[in-house]
Amino acid sequence: MASHDQTARDDLLTSEVLKEDISAFKVHQAPDTVYYIPDFITADEEKHLLHQVYAAPKPKWTQLSIEDYKTGWFTPSKRNDRGETTRGEYNVYIRWLDVYAKKIAKYGVFEEHVPNHVLVNEYNPGQGIMPHEDGPLFYPVVTTINLGSHSVLQFSHHSVKQQMVDDGSKDFSLLLQPRSLLMLKNVVYTDYLHGIAELFKDTLGNDIVNLDATGQALGDCLLRETRVSLTIRYVPKTLKVKLMLGKR
């Protein structure tokens, strides 16, 4: 069961803190709605977060296809569209991530909620992830802190899902630089698949719609290094209760 501390934290509302203006970070060339914040954290914070991730006990990691997953505060059981299953469990929330969850909450993308779920993915050069959507288990917003290396996240509308899987076709892409924060909601969350190609380097083309916010130029070639992503979301409390009852 969830601890008293975790329950108290889950009840925290962002109305207790001053909301931050997010409008300057909107990516206007993308469908509604994408926010990209470069340098969301400092280089020292990035080092600290990477240290915390890799200091976690090794048994906490589970190899699933081309990614590594590690559970955070609360992870619901689910089978995704790649046929992978993660086992649901309740944990005391990760204190070293809590400050960043509250920082993200100040932007108001989760309305009055503070995120309570994290998925930690590690990508080595040449690794990627198949086109997918986050699905109905979560509040319809996804936020990601990027650590260690860049990535190019590719998007394609549901209507051309199979084409994206077959030949890598995409409607648009986002360059995610180290220490940046990405936030997706509305149409981009509900109507688009997103994935990462299995490449060792990325050549930046016209499909990159946030290039002006990244410090890079069209045609730049970026070599991939090991990247860690912290995907931070909110699981509604009603869903938590249903999943707990289902485990009995």
Protein backbone atom coordinates (compact mmCIF):
# COMPACT_ATOMS: atom_id res chain seq x y z
CA MET A 1 0.00 0.00 0.00
CA ALA A 2 1.01 3.62 -0.45
CA SER A 3 2.71 5.21 2.55
CA HIS A 4 1.21 8.07 4.58
CA ASP A 5 3.88 10.40 3.16
CA GLN A 6 2.98 9.44 -0.38
CA THR A 7 -0.75 9.90 0.24
CA ALA A 8 -0.14 13.34 1.71
CA ARG A 9 2.02 14.26 -1.23
CA ASP A 10 -0.56 13.08 -3.76
CA ASP A 11 -3.08 15.45 -2.17
CA LEU A 12 -0.80 18.45 -2.72
CA LEU A 13 -2.34 20.93 -5.16
CA THR A 14 -0.39 23.27 -7.36
CA SER A 15 -2.64 26.09 -6.17
CA GLU A 16 -0.28 26.29 -3.20
CA VAL A 17 2.47 27.66 -5.42
CA LEU A 18 2.70 30.45 -7.96
CA LYS A 19 2.07 29.24 -11.51
CA GLU A 20 4.82 29.81 -14.08
CA ASP A 21 4.04 31.29 -17.51
CA ILE A 22 4.61 28.63 -20.15
CA SER A 23 3.48 30.48 -23.27
CA ALA A 24 6.99 31.45 -24.40
CA PHE A 25 7.93 27.77 -24.73
CA LYS A 26 5.12 26.69 -27.05
CA VAL A 27 6.25 25.11 -30.33
CA HIS A 28 3.91 26.86 -32.77
CA GLN A 29 4.92 24.77 -35.81
CA ALA A 30 3.72 21.58 -34.12
CA PRO A 31 0.10 20.48 -33.67
CA ASP A 32 -1.61 21.51 -30.43
CA THR A 33 0.09 21.36 -27.94
CA VAL A 34 3.88 21.01 -27.58
CA TYR A 35 6.04 22.89 -25.08
CA TYR A 36 9.84 22.64 -25.19
CA ILE A 37 11.96 24.20 -22.45
CA PRO A 38 15.74 24.17 -23.09
CA ASP A 39 17.99 24.07 -20.02
CA PHE A 40 15.13 23.16 -17.70
CA ILE A 41 17.82 21.91 -15.32
CA THR A 42 21.47 22.86 -14.88
CA ALA A 43 24.49 20.73 -15.79
CA ASP A 44 25.07 20.03 -12.09
CA GLU A 45 21.45 18.93 -11.65
CA GLU A 46 21.81 16.66 -14.67
CA LYS A 47 24.87 15.00 -13.11
CA HIS A 48 22.99 14.57 -9.84
CA LEU A 49 19.97 12.99 -11.52
CA LEU A 50 22.12 10.59 -13.53
CA HIS A 51 23.96 9.60 -10.35
CA GLN A 52 20.65 8.89 -8.61
CA VAL A 53 19.36 6.83 -11.54
CA TYR A 54 22.43 4.61 -11.74
CA ALA A 55 22.74 4.33 -7.95
CA ALA A 56 19.42 2.47 -7.82
CA PRO A 57 19.70 -1.28 -7.07
CA LYS A 58 20.24 -3.23 -10.28
CA PRO A 59 17.27 -5.61 -9.69
CA LYS A 60 14.99 -2.59 -10.09
CA TRP A 61 15.76 -2.60 -13.82
CA THR A 62 13.82 -4.83 -16.21
CA GLN A 63 14.90 -5.40 -19.80
CA LEU A 64 11.95 -4.97 -22.18
CA SER A 65 12.70 -5.14 -25.90
CA ILE A 66 14.92 -2.22 -26.91
CA GLU A 67 14.52 -0.21 -23.69
CA ASP A 68 15.23 -0.43 -19.98
CA TYR A 69 12.40 0.47 -17.62
CA LYS A 70 12.62 1.31 -13.94
CA THR A 71 9.55 2.03 -11.84
CA GLY A 72 9.16 5.17 -9.82
CA TRP A 73 6.46 6.40 -7.47
CA PHE A 74 3.55 4.39 -8.82
CA THR A 75 3.46 2.13 -11.85
CA PRO A 76 0.14 0.63 -13.01
CA SER A 77 0.05 -2.78 -14.66
CA LYS A 78 -0.43 -2.46 -18.40
CA ARG A 79 0.35 -4.11 -21.70
CA ASN A 80 1.44 -1.62 -24.31
CA ASP A 81 1.01 -1.83 -28.07
CA ARG A 82 4.47 -3.38 -28.39
CA GLY A 83 3.31 -6.41 -26.39
CA GLU A 84 5.43 -5.53 -23.33
CA THR A 85 4.04 -5.76 -19.83
CA THR A 86 5.09 -3.85 -16.73
CA ARG A 87 4.04 -5.19 -13.32
CA GLY A 88 2.05 -2.80 -11.13
CA GLU A 89 3.41 -1.95 -7.70
CA TYR A 90 3.20 0.83 -5.13
CA ASN A 91 6.40 2.45 -3.89
CA VAL A 92 7.30 5.31 -1.61
CA TYR A 93 7.78 8.22 -3.95
CA ILE A 94 11.31 9.06 -5.04
CA ARG A 95 12.37 12.06 -2.99
CA TRP A 96 15.12 13.15 -5.37
CA LEU A 97 12.53 13.51 -8.15
CA ASP A 98 9.89 15.25 -6.07
CA VAL A 99 11.41 18.70 -6.49
CA TYR A 100 11.22 18.36 -10.28
CA ALA A 101 7.65 17.06 -10.18
CA LYS A 102 6.64 20.15 -8.24
CA LYS A 103 8.63 22.37 -10.60
CA ILE A 104 6.79 20.90 -13.58
CA ALA A 105 3.46 21.24 -11.76
CA LYS A 106 4.02 25.00 -11.54
CA TYR A 107 3.47 25.24 -15.29
CA GLY A 108 -0.13 24.09 -14.78
CA VAL A 109 -0.13 21.39 -17.46
CA PHE A 110 -1.57 18.91 -14.94
CA GLU A 111 -4.10 21.50 -13.74
CA GLU A 112 -4.18 21.27 -9.92
CA HIS A 113 -2.24 18.00 -9.74
CA VAL A 114 1.38 17.18 -8.96
CA PRO A 115 2.81 14.26 -11.00
CA ASN A 116 3.04 10.93 -9.15
CA HIS A 117 4.48 8.53 -11.74
CA VAL A 118 7.87 8.24 -13.38
CA LEU A 119 9.27 5.93 -16.04
CA VAL A 120 13.05 5.92 -16.48
CA ASN A 121 14.32 4.82 -19.89
CA GLU A 122 17.93 4.34 -20.95
CA TYR A 123 18.86 4.46 -24.64
CA ASN A 124 22.33 3.52 -25.88
CA PRO A 125 23.52 4.72 -29.32
CA GLY A 126 21.62 2.82 -31.99
CA GLN A 127 18.64 2.10 -29.74
CA GLY A 128 15.15 3.52 -30.20
CA ILE A 129 11.52 2.84 -29.48
CA MET A 130 8.68 1.79 -31.79
CA PRO A 131 5.88 4.27 -32.56
CA HIS A 132 3.42 4.22 -29.66
CA GLU A 133 0.97 6.25 -27.61
CA ASP A 134 0.78 6.63 -23.85
CA GLY A 135 -2.81 5.45 -23.60
CA PRO A 136 -5.72 5.98 -21.18
CA LEU A 137 -4.06 4.95 -17.92
CA PHE A 138 -2.63 8.42 -17.44
CA TYR A 139 -3.85 11.98 -17.21
CA PRO A 140 -3.57 13.14 -20.87
CA VAL A 141 -0.27 14.99 -20.49
CA VAL A 142 3.26 13.61 -20.72
CA THR A 143 6.40 15.44 -19.61
CA THR A 144 9.98 14.27 -20.17
CA ILE A 145 13.30 15.45 -18.73
CA ASN A 146 16.18 14.51 -21.05
CA LEU A 147 19.60 13.57 -19.63
CA GLY A 148 23.00 12.71 -21.06
CA SER A 149 22.44 13.00 -24.80
CA HIS A 150 20.08 14.37 -27.43
CA SER A 151 17.27 12.49 -29.13
CA VAL A 152 14.97 13.06 -32.09
CA LEU A 153 11.36 12.21 -31.30
CA GLN A 154 9.31 11.47 -34.42
CA PHE A 155 5.53 11.96 -34.64
CA SER A 156 2.94 10.54 -37.01
CA HIS A 157 -0.85 10.73 -37.00
CA HIS A 158 -2.78 7.60 -36.01
CA SER A 159 -4.17 7.37 -39.53
CA VAL A 160 -0.73 6.45 -40.91
CA LYS A 161 0.43 4.26 -38.00
CA GLN A 162 1.39 1.24 -40.09
CA GLN A 163 3.26 3.37 -42.61
CA MET A 164 5.33 4.89 -39.81
CA VAL A 165 6.15 1.41 -38.53
CA ASP A 166 7.00 0.11 -42.01
CA ASP A 167 9.10 2.90 -43.51
CA GLY A 168 9.67 5.50 -40.81
CA SER A 169 7.29 8.06 -42.31
CA LYS A 170 6.65 11.00 -39.99
CA ASP A 171 4.62 14.20 -39.89
CA PHE A 172 7.11 16.16 -37.78
CA SER A 173 9.96 15.67 -35.31
CA LEU A 174 11.35 17.33 -32.19
CA LEU A 175 15.01 17.61 -31.23
CA LEU A 176 15.37 16.99 -27.51
CA GLN A 177 18.61 18.38 -26.13
CA PRO A 178 20.18 17.28 -22.83
CA ARG A 179 18.70 19.05 -19.78
CA SER A 180 15.55 20.03 -21.68
CA LEU A 181 11.93 19.45 -20.70
CA LEU A 182 9.29 18.35 -23.21
CA MET A 183 5.55 18.59 -22.50
CA LEU A 184 2.84 17.09 -24.73
CA LYS A 185 -0.92 17.48 -24.37
CA ASN A 186 -4.20 17.87 -26.29
CA VAL A 187 -4.16 16.74 -29.97
CA VAL A 188 -0.49 15.70 -29.95
CA TYR A 189 -1.20 13.39 -27.01
CA THR A 190 -4.47 11.91 -28.27
CA ASP A 191 -4.03 11.73 -32.06
CA TYR A 192 -0.32 11.14 -32.68
CA LEU A 193 2.12 8.28 -32.22
CA HIS A 194 5.68 9.06 -31.21
CA GLY A 195 8.85 7.02 -31.54
CA ILE A 196 12.64 7.13 -31.86
CA ALA A 197 14.50 5.64 -34.84
CA GLU A 198 17.31 3.14 -34.19
CA LEU A 199 20.24 5.30 -35.32
CA PHE A 200 23.76 6.12 -34.17
CA LYS A 201 23.57 9.70 -35.42
CA ASP A 202 20.86 12.18 -36.41
CA THR A 203 21.04 14.60 -39.34
CA LEU A 204 18.71 17.51 -38.64
CA GLY A 205 16.20 18.08 -41.44
CA ASN A 206 13.17 20.21 -42.17
CA ASP A 207 10.98 17.89 -40.10
CA ILE A 208 12.47 19.32 -36.88
CA VAL A 209 9.89 21.93 -35.84
CA ASN A 210 11.66 23.26 -32.72
CA LEU A 211 15.10 23.79 -34.24
CA ASP A 212 15.24 27.48 -33.34
CA ALA A 213 15.02 26.59 -29.63
CA THR A 214 17.84 24.04 -29.65
CA GLY A 215 20.97 25.97 -30.62
CA GLN A 216 21.45 23.73 -33.67
CA ALA A 217 21.17 24.40 -37.41
CA LEU A 218 19.59 22.63 -40.36
CA GLY A 219 21.92 19.92 -41.65
CA ASP A 220 23.83 19.47 -38.39
CA CYS A 221 24.84 15.88 -37.69
CA LEU A 222 24.67 14.86 -34.02
CA LEU A 223 26.26 11.66 -32.72
CA ARG A 224 24.18 9.89 -30.10
CA GLU A 225 25.55 9.04 -26.69
CA THR A 226 23.80 7.23 -23.85
CA ARG A 227 20.56 9.04 -23.04
CA VAL A 228 18.33 8.71 -19.99
CA SER A 229 14.79 10.03 -20.07
CA LEU A 230 12.60 10.72 -17.05
CA THR A 231 9.00 10.50 -18.23
CA ILE A 232 6.92 12.12 -15.52
CA ARG A 233 3.13 11.79 -15.50
CA TYR A 234 0.06 11.85 -13.28
CA VAL A 235 -2.03 8.77 -12.54
CA PRO A 236 -5.53 9.77 -11.30
CA LYS A 237 -6.26 8.59 -7.78
CA THR A 238 -9.45 6.80 -8.88
CA LEU A 239 -7.39 4.61 -11.21
CA LYS A 240 -4.96 3.78 -8.41
CA VAL A 241 -7.83 2.53 -6.24
CA LYS A 242 -9.22 0.36 -9.05
CA LEU A 243 -5.81 -1.19 -9.67
CA MET A 244 -5.27 -1.85 -5.95
CA LEU A 245 -8.64 -3.62 -5.70
CA GLY A 246 -7.82 -5.64 -8.79
CA LYS A 247 -4.63 -6.98 -7.17
CA ARG A 248 -6.43 -8.52 -4.18
